[in-house]
Amino acid sequence: MYETNLFLNTMNLFIIAGFLGPQEIILIVLALLLLFGGRKIPELMKGLGKGMKEFKKAKEEMDDDEQASAKSGKIES
């Protein structure tokens, strides 16, 4: 089941990446500039970066907790 979902997600990524050429990326960037303006985009990217950093930190903490519980022999649900 997991391998099938991974395969489908990978295929979807390739399909999406295949459709985004340089012209489309430029068009998306221009649309973002028009919608949010030049001053707001750095603030949005900063917030996105902080969110990604917090997500990565939480993921690492969960992995550490799983490893610690595996070493101690406890199984938590």
PDB file of N, CA and C in Angstrom:
ATOM      1  N   MET A   1       0.824  -1.195   0.000  1.00  0.00           N
ATOM      2  CA  MET A   1       0.000   0.000   0.000  1.00  0.00           C
ATOM      3  C   MET A   1       0.864   1.253   0.000  1.00  0.00           C
ATOM      4  N   TYR A   2       1.851   1.289   0.907  1.00  0.00           N
ATOM      5  CA  TYR A   2       2.713   2.463   1.004  1.00  0.00           C
ATOM      6  C   TYR A   2       3.513   2.654  -0.278  1.00  0.00           C
ATOM      7  N   GLU A   3       3.997   1.545  -0.865  1.00  0.00           N
ATOM      8  CA  GLU A   3       4.777   1.649  -2.093  1.00  0.00           C
ATOM      9  C   GLU A   3       3.926   2.175  -3.239  1.00  0.00           C
ATOM     10  N   THR A   4       2.667   1.794  -3.286  1.00  0.00           N
ATOM     11  CA  THR A   4       1.775   2.273  -4.332  1.00  0.00           C
ATOM     12  C   THR A   4       1.545   3.770  -4.192  1.00  0.00           C
ATOM     13  N   ASN A   5       1.281   4.235  -2.958  1.00  0.00           N
ATOM     14  CA  ASN A   5       1.079   5.670  -2.742  1.00  0.00           C
ATOM     15  C   ASN A   5       2.327   6.457  -3.077  1.00  0.00           C
ATOM     16  N   LEU A   6       3.485   5.930  -2.716  1.00  0.00           N
ATOM     17  CA  LEU A   6       4.744   6.606  -3.023  1.00  0.00           C
ATOM     18  C   LEU A   6       4.933   6.697  -4.526  1.00  0.00           C
ATOM     19  N   PHE A   7       4.612   5.616  -5.234  1.00  0.00           N
ATOM     20  CA  PHE A   7       4.747   5.611  -6.691  1.00  0.00           C
ATOM     21  C   PHE A   7       3.810   6.634  -7.320  1.00  0.00           C
ATOM     22  N   LEU A   8       2.548   6.669  -6.863  1.00  0.00           N
ATOM     23  CA  LEU A   8       1.591   7.622  -7.416  1.00  0.00           C
ATOM     24  C   LEU A   8       1.992   9.051  -7.115  1.00  0.00           C
ATOM     25  N   ASN A   9       2.471   9.328  -5.899  1.00  0.00           N
ATOM     26  CA  ASN A   9       2.914  10.673  -5.554  1.00  0.00           C
ATOM     27  C   ASN A   9       4.103  11.083  -6.403  1.00  0.00           C
ATOM     28  N   THR A  10       5.027  10.156  -6.652  1.00  0.00           N
ATOM     29  CA  THR A  10       6.193  10.452  -7.478  1.00  0.00           C
ATOM     30  C   THR A  10       5.762  10.738  -8.911  1.00  0.00           C
ATOM     31  N   MET A  11       4.828   9.955  -9.420  1.00  0.00           N
ATOM     32  CA  MET A  11       4.343  10.166 -10.782  1.00  0.00           C
ATOM     33  C   MET A  11       3.638  11.515 -10.899  1.00  0.00           C
ATOM     34  N   ASN A  12       2.843  11.876  -9.894  1.00  0.00           N
ATOM     35  CA  ASN A  12       2.173  13.178  -9.918  1.00  0.00           C
ATOM     36  C   ASN A  12       3.189  14.307  -9.919  1.00  0.00           C
ATOM     37  N   LEU A  13       4.263  14.154  -9.153  1.00  0.00           N
ATOM     38  CA  LEU A  13       5.309  15.168  -9.115  1.00  0.00           C
ATOM     39  C   LEU A  13       5.956  15.327 -10.479  1.00  0.00           C
ATOM     40  N   PHE A  14       6.234  14.208 -11.157  1.00  0.00           N
ATOM     41  CA  PHE A  14       6.844  14.283 -12.482  1.00  0.00           C
ATOM     42  C   PHE A  14       5.902  14.931 -13.490  1.00  0.00           C
ATOM     43  N   ILE A  15       4.616  14.634 -13.381  1.00  0.00           N
ATOM     44  CA  ILE A  15       3.650  15.231 -14.299  1.00  0.00           C
ATOM     45  C   ILE A  15       3.577  16.733 -14.082  1.00  0.00           C
ATOM     46  N   ILE A  16       3.510  17.157 -12.827  1.00  0.00           N
ATOM     47  CA  ILE A  16       3.432  18.584 -12.519  1.00  0.00           C
ATOM     48  C   ILE A  16       4.714  19.291 -12.948  1.00  0.00           C
ATOM     49  N   ALA A  17       5.859  18.702 -12.632  1.00  0.00           N
ATOM     50  CA  ALA A  17       7.135  19.321 -12.993  1.00  0.00           C
ATOM     51  C   ALA A  17       7.296  19.370 -14.508  1.00  0.00           C
ATOM     52  N   GLY A  18       6.735  18.404 -15.222  1.00  0.00           N
ATOM     53  CA  GLY A  18       6.838  18.382 -16.673  1.00  0.00           C
ATOM     54  C   GLY A  18       6.054  19.498 -17.327  1.00  0.00           C
ATOM     55  N   PHE A  19       4.987  19.947 -16.701  1.00  0.00           N
ATOM     56  CA  PHE A  19       4.156  20.984 -17.277  1.00  0.00           C
ATOM     57  C   PHE A  19       4.637  22.395 -16.954  1.00  0.00           C
ATOM     58  N   LEU A  20       5.499  22.551 -15.978  1.00  0.00           N
ATOM     59  CA  LEU A  20       5.977  23.886 -15.608  1.00  0.00           C
ATOM     60  C   LEU A  20       7.292  24.181 -16.310  1.00  0.00           C
ATOM     61  N   GLY A  21       7.203  24.924 -17.365  1.00  0.00           N
ATOM     62  CA  GLY A  21       8.387  25.352 -18.086  1.00  0.00           C
ATOM     63  C   GLY A  21       8.807  26.732 -17.626  1.00  0.00           C
ATOM     64  N   PRO A  22       9.841  27.282 -18.229  1.00  0.00           N
ATOM     65  CA  PRO A  22      10.321  28.613 -17.825  1.00  0.00           C
ATOM     66  C   PRO A  22       9.276  29.711 -17.998  1.00  0.00           C
ATOM     67  N   GLN A  23       8.486  29.634 -19.080  1.00  0.00           N
ATOM     68  CA  GLN A  23       7.462  30.669 -19.296  1.00  0.00           C
ATOM     69  C   GLN A  23       6.406  30.631 -18.206  1.00  0.00           C
ATOM     70  N   GLU A  24       6.013  29.440 -17.810  1.00  0.00           N
ATOM     71  CA  GLU A  24       4.987  29.320 -16.776  1.00  0.00           C
ATOM     72  C   GLU A  24       5.490  29.820 -15.429  1.00  0.00           C
ATOM     73  N   ILE A  25       6.735  29.516 -15.118  1.00  0.00           N
ATOM     74  CA  ILE A  25       7.312  29.981 -13.854  1.00  0.00           C
ATOM     75  C   ILE A  25       7.384  31.496 -13.831  1.00  0.00           C
ATOM     76  N   ILE A  26       7.795  32.095 -14.944  1.00  0.00           N
ATOM     77  CA  ILE A  26       7.849  33.564 -15.028  1.00  0.00           C
ATOM     78  C   ILE A  26       6.454  34.150 -14.875  1.00  0.00           C
ATOM     79  N   LEU A  27       5.470  33.527 -15.496  1.00  0.00           N
ATOM     80  CA  LEU A  27       4.089  33.998 -15.385  1.00  0.00           C
ATOM     81  C   LEU A  27       3.591  33.918 -13.944  1.00  0.00           C
ATOM     82  N   ILE A  28       3.913  32.842 -13.244  1.00  0.00           N
ATOM     83  CA  ILE A  28       3.514  32.690 -11.842  1.00  0.00           C
ATOM     84  C   ILE A  28       4.169  33.758 -10.981  1.00  0.00           C
ATOM     85  N   VAL A  29       5.459  34.013 -11.195  1.00  0.00           N
ATOM     86  CA  VAL A  29       6.170  35.040 -10.423  1.00  0.00           C
ATOM     87  C   VAL A  29       5.564  36.412 -10.677  1.00  0.00           C
ATOM     88  N   LEU A  30       5.246  36.722 -11.929  1.00  0.00           N
ATOM     89  CA  LEU A  30       4.622  38.011 -12.241  1.00  0.00           C
ATOM     90  C   LEU A  30       3.247  38.133 -11.595  1.00  0.00           C
ATOM     91  N   ALA A  31       2.480  37.060 -11.593  1.00  0.00           N
ATOM     92  CA  ALA A  31       1.164  37.089 -10.951  1.00  0.00           C
ATOM     93  C   ALA A  31       1.306  37.327  -9.453  1.00  0.00           C
ATOM     94  N   LEU A  32       2.298  36.688  -8.824  1.00  0.00           N
ATOM     95  CA  LEU A  32       2.536  36.921  -7.398  1.00  0.00           C
ATOM     96  C   LEU A  32       2.918  38.370  -7.130  1.00  0.00           C
ATOM     97  N   LEU A  33       3.747  38.932  -7.995  1.00  0.00           N
ATOM     98  CA  LEU A  33       4.128  40.335  -7.828  1.00  0.00           C
ATOM     99  C   LEU A  33       2.916  41.252  -7.938  1.00  0.00           C
ATOM    100  N   LEU A  34       2.041  40.957  -8.873  1.00  0.00           N
ATOM    101  CA  LEU A  34       0.845  41.784  -9.035  1.00  0.00           C
ATOM    102  C   LEU A  34      -0.108  41.625  -7.854  1.00  0.00           C
ATOM    103  N   LEU A  35      -0.260  40.418  -7.354  1.00  0.00           N
ATOM    104  CA  LEU A  35      -1.194  40.180  -6.260  1.00  0.00           C
ATOM    105  C   LEU A  35      -0.703  40.741  -4.929  1.00  0.00           C
ATOM    106  N   PHE A  36       0.568  40.515  -4.623  1.00  0.00           N
ATOM    107  CA  PHE A  36       1.061  40.849  -3.296  1.00  0.00           C
ATOM    108  C   PHE A  36       1.966  42.075  -3.263  1.00  0.00           C
ATOM    109  N   GLY A  37       2.505  42.467  -4.372  1.00  0.00           N
ATOM    110  CA  GLY A  37       3.416  43.601  -4.396  1.00  0.00           C
ATOM    111  C   GLY A  37       4.818  43.199  -3.974  1.00  0.00           C
ATOM    112  N   GLY A  38       5.779  44.009  -4.342  1.00  0.00           N
ATOM    113  CA  GLY A  38       7.177  43.705  -4.073  1.00  0.00           C
ATOM    114  C   GLY A  38       7.544  43.718  -2.605  1.00  0.00           C
ATOM    115  N   ARG A  39       6.854  44.494  -1.810  1.00  0.00           N
ATOM    116  CA  ARG A  39       7.200  44.601  -0.386  1.00  0.00           C
ATOM    117  C   ARG A  39       6.673  43.423   0.425  1.00  0.00           C
ATOM    118  N   LYS A  40       5.574  42.865   0.023  1.00  0.00           N
ATOM    119  CA  LYS A  40       4.929  41.813   0.806  1.00  0.00           C
ATOM    120  C   LYS A  40       5.559  40.437   0.568  1.00  0.00           C
ATOM    121  N   ILE A  41       6.131  40.209  -0.598  1.00  0.00           N
ATOM    122  CA  ILE A  41       6.678  38.891  -0.935  1.00  0.00           C
ATOM    123  C   ILE A  41       7.799  38.465   0.010  1.00  0.00           C
ATOM    124  N   PRO A  42       8.778  39.327   0.353  1.00  0.00           N
ATOM    125  CA  PRO A  42       9.799  38.875   1.310  1.00  0.00           C
ATOM    126  C   PRO A  42       9.217  38.466   2.664  1.00  0.00           C
ATOM    127  N   GLU A  43       8.183  39.178   3.110  1.00  0.00           N
ATOM    128  CA  GLU A  43       7.529  38.814   4.366  1.00  0.00           C
ATOM    129  C   GLU A  43       6.854  37.448   4.260  1.00  0.00           C
ATOM    130  N   LEU A  44       6.215  37.191   3.112  1.00  0.00           N
ATOM    131  CA  LEU A  44       5.572  35.895   2.906  1.00  0.00           C
ATOM    132  C   LEU A  44       6.606  34.771   2.878  1.00  0.00           C
ATOM    133  N   MET A  45       7.728  34.999   2.210  1.00  0.00           N
ATOM    134  CA  MET A  45       8.781  33.979   2.124  1.00  0.00           C
ATOM    135  C   MET A  45       9.417  33.733   3.496  1.00  0.00           C
ATOM    136  N   LYS A  46       9.547  34.799   4.271  1.00  0.00           N
ATOM    137  CA  LYS A  46      10.104  34.657   5.621  1.00  0.00           C
ATOM    138  C   LYS A  46       9.182  33.798   6.483  1.00  0.00           C
ATOM    139  N   GLY A  47       7.889  34.044   6.399  1.00  0.00           N
ATOM    140  CA  GLY A  47       6.920  33.242   7.136  1.00  0.00           C
ATOM    141  C   GLY A  47       6.912  31.796   6.669  1.00  0.00           C
ATOM    142  N   LEU A  48       7.036  31.597   5.365  1.00  0.00           N
ATOM    143  CA  LEU A  48       7.089  30.241   4.824  1.00  0.00           C
ATOM    144  C   LEU A  48       8.331  29.514   5.318  1.00  0.00           C
ATOM    145  N   GLY A  49       9.455  30.216   5.341  1.00  0.00           N
ATOM    146  CA  GLY A  49      10.700  29.624   5.837  1.00  0.00           C
ATOM    147  C   GLY A  49      10.606  29.244   7.303  1.00  0.00           C
ATOM    148  N   LYS A  50       9.994  30.110   8.107  1.00  0.00           N
ATOM    149  CA  LYS A  50       9.819  29.798   9.537  1.00  0.00           C
ATOM    150  C   LYS A  50       8.914  28.585   9.717  1.00  0.00           C
ATOM    151  N   GLY A  51       7.853  28.524   8.930  1.00  0.00           N
ATOM    152  CA  GLY A  51       6.946  27.382   9.014  1.00  0.00           C
ATOM    153  C   GLY A  51       7.635  26.079   8.649  1.00  0.00           C
ATOM    154  N   MET A  52       8.449  26.107   7.598  1.00  0.00           N
ATOM    155  CA  MET A  52       9.182  24.906   7.184  1.00  0.00           C
ATOM    156  C   MET A  52      10.194  24.498   8.250  1.00  0.00           C
ATOM    157  N   LYS A  53      10.836  25.486   8.868  1.00  0.00           N
ATOM    158  CA  LYS A  53      11.818  25.204   9.917  1.00  0.00           C
ATOM    159  C   LYS A  53      11.137  24.554  11.124  1.00  0.00           C
ATOM    160  N   GLU A  54       9.976  25.076  11.530  1.00  0.00           N
ATOM    161  CA  GLU A  54       9.239  24.505  12.652  1.00  0.00           C
ATOM    162  C   GLU A  54       8.763  23.091  12.336  1.00  0.00           C
ATOM    163  N   PHE A  55       8.312  22.870  11.101  1.00  0.00           N
ATOM    164  CA  PHE A  55       7.861  21.539  10.691  1.00  0.00           C
ATOM    165  C   PHE A  55       9.013  20.547  10.752  1.00  0.00           C
ATOM    166  N   LYS A  56      10.173  20.948  10.254  1.00  0.00           N
ATOM    167  CA  LYS A  56      11.344  20.075  10.269  1.00  0.00           C
ATOM    168  C   LYS A  56      11.762  19.765  11.707  1.00  0.00           C
ATOM    169  N   LYS A  57      11.720  20.777  12.577  1.00  0.00           N
ATOM    170  CA  LYS A  57      12.089  20.577  13.981  1.00  0.00           C
ATOM    171  C   LYS A  57      11.131  19.595  14.656  1.00  0.00           C
ATOM    172  N   ALA A  58       9.839  19.740  14.410  1.00  0.00           N
ATOM    173  CA  ALA A  58       8.846  18.839  15.004  1.00  0.00           C
ATOM    174  C   ALA A  58       9.026  17.419  14.482  1.00  0.00           C
ATOM    175  N   LYS A  59       9.328  17.296  13.200  1.00  0.00           N
ATOM    176  CA  LYS A  59       9.550  15.970  12.619  1.00  0.00           C
ATOM    177  C   LYS A  59      10.763  15.304  13.248  1.00  0.00           C
ATOM    178  N   GLU A  60      11.843  16.059  13.435  1.00  0.00           N
ATOM    179  CA  GLU A  60      13.046  15.511  14.054  1.00  0.00           C
ATOM    180  C   GLU A  60      12.782  15.105  15.503  1.00  0.00           C
ATOM    181  N   GLU A  61      11.985  15.899  16.226  1.00  0.00           N
ATOM    182  CA  GLU A  61      11.634  15.552  17.609  1.00  0.00           C
ATOM    183  C   GLU A  61      10.819  14.269  17.657  1.00  0.00           C
ATOM    184  N   MET A  62       9.895  14.091  16.723  1.00  0.00           N
ATOM    185  CA  MET A  62       9.105  12.861  16.679  1.00  0.00           C
ATOM    186  C   MET A  62       9.998  11.661  16.374  1.00  0.00           C
ATOM    187  N   ASP A  63      10.936  11.840  15.440  1.00  0.00           N
ATOM    188  CA  ASP A  63      11.859  10.754  15.111  1.00  0.00           C
ATOM    189  C   ASP A  63      12.719  10.390  16.319  1.00  0.00           C
ATOM    190  N   ASP A  64      13.188  11.410  17.045  1.00  0.00           N
ATOM    191  CA  ASP A  64      13.989  11.159  18.248  1.00  0.00           C
ATOM    192  C   ASP A  64      13.175  10.422  19.307  1.00  0.00           C
ATOM    193  N   ASP A  65      11.911  10.822  19.484  1.00  0.00           N
ATOM    194  CA  ASP A  65      11.035  10.155  20.450  1.00  0.00           C
ATOM    195  C   ASP A  65      10.796   8.699  20.068  1.00  0.00           C
ATOM    196  N   GLU A  66      10.599   8.453  18.780  1.00  0.00           N
ATOM    197  CA  GLU A  66      10.385   7.083  18.313  1.00  0.00           C
ATOM    198  C   GLU A  66      11.625   6.232  18.552  1.00  0.00           C
ATOM    199  N   GLN A  67      12.793   6.803  18.285  1.00  0.00           N
ATOM    200  CA  GLN A  67      14.030   6.053  18.494  1.00  0.00           C
ATOM    201  C   GLN A  67      14.246   5.770  19.981  1.00  0.00           C
ATOM    202  N   ALA A  68      13.955   6.748  20.814  1.00  0.00           N
ATOM    203  CA  ALA A  68      14.123   6.562  22.262  1.00  0.00           C
ATOM    204  C   ALA A  68      13.161   5.497  22.792  1.00  0.00           C
ATOM    205  N   SER A  69      11.932   5.516  22.320  1.00  0.00           N
ATOM    206  CA  SER A  69      10.967   4.518  22.787  1.00  0.00           C
ATOM    207  C   SER A  69      11.314   3.132  22.241  1.00  0.00           C
ATOM    208  N   ALA A  70      11.892   3.079  21.056  1.00  0.00           N
ATOM    209  CA  ALA A  70      12.303   1.784  20.509  1.00  0.00           C
ATOM    210  C   ALA A  70      13.469   1.207  21.309  1.00  0.00           C
ATOM    211  N   LYS A  71      14.377   2.056  21.759  1.00  0.00           N
ATOM    212  CA  LYS A  71      15.497   1.601  22.562  1.00  0.00           C
ATOM    213  C   LYS A  71      15.052   1.123  23.941  1.00  0.00           C
ATOM    214  N   SER A  72      14.060   1.808  24.500  1.00  0.00           N
ATOM    215  CA  SER A  72      13.586   1.435  25.829  1.00  0.00           C
ATOM    216  C   SER A  72      12.619   0.258  25.796  1.00  0.00           C
ATOM    217  N   GLY A  73      12.132  -0.078  24.611  1.00  0.00           N
ATOM    218  CA  GLY A  73      11.236  -1.215  24.474  1.00  0.00           C
ATOM    219  C   GLY A  73       9.778  -0.882  24.662  1.00  0.00           C
ATOM    220  N   LYS A  74       9.458   0.388  24.870  1.00  0.00           N
ATOM    221  CA  LYS A  74       8.063   0.792  25.047  1.00  0.00           C
ATOM    222  C   LYS A  74       7.446   1.054  23.698  1.00  0.00           C
ATOM    223  N   ILE A  75       6.173   0.719  23.581  1.00  0.00           N
ATOM    224  CA  ILE A  75       5.416   1.035  22.383  1.00  0.00           C
ATOM    225  C   ILE A  75       4.286   1.949  22.806  1.00  0.00           C
ATOM    226  N   GLU A  76       4.253   3.151  22.190  1.00  0.00           N
ATOM    227  CA  GLU A  76       3.204   4.116  22.505  1.00  0.00           C
ATOM    228  C   GLU A  76       2.296   4.253  21.305  1.00  0.00           C
ATOM    229  N   SER A  77       1.037   4.470  21.568  1.00  0.00           N
ATOM    230  CA  SER A  77       0.108   4.651  20.464  1.00  0.00           C
ATOM    231  C   SER A  77      -0.616   5.952  20.581  1.00  0.00           C
TER     232      SER A  77
END
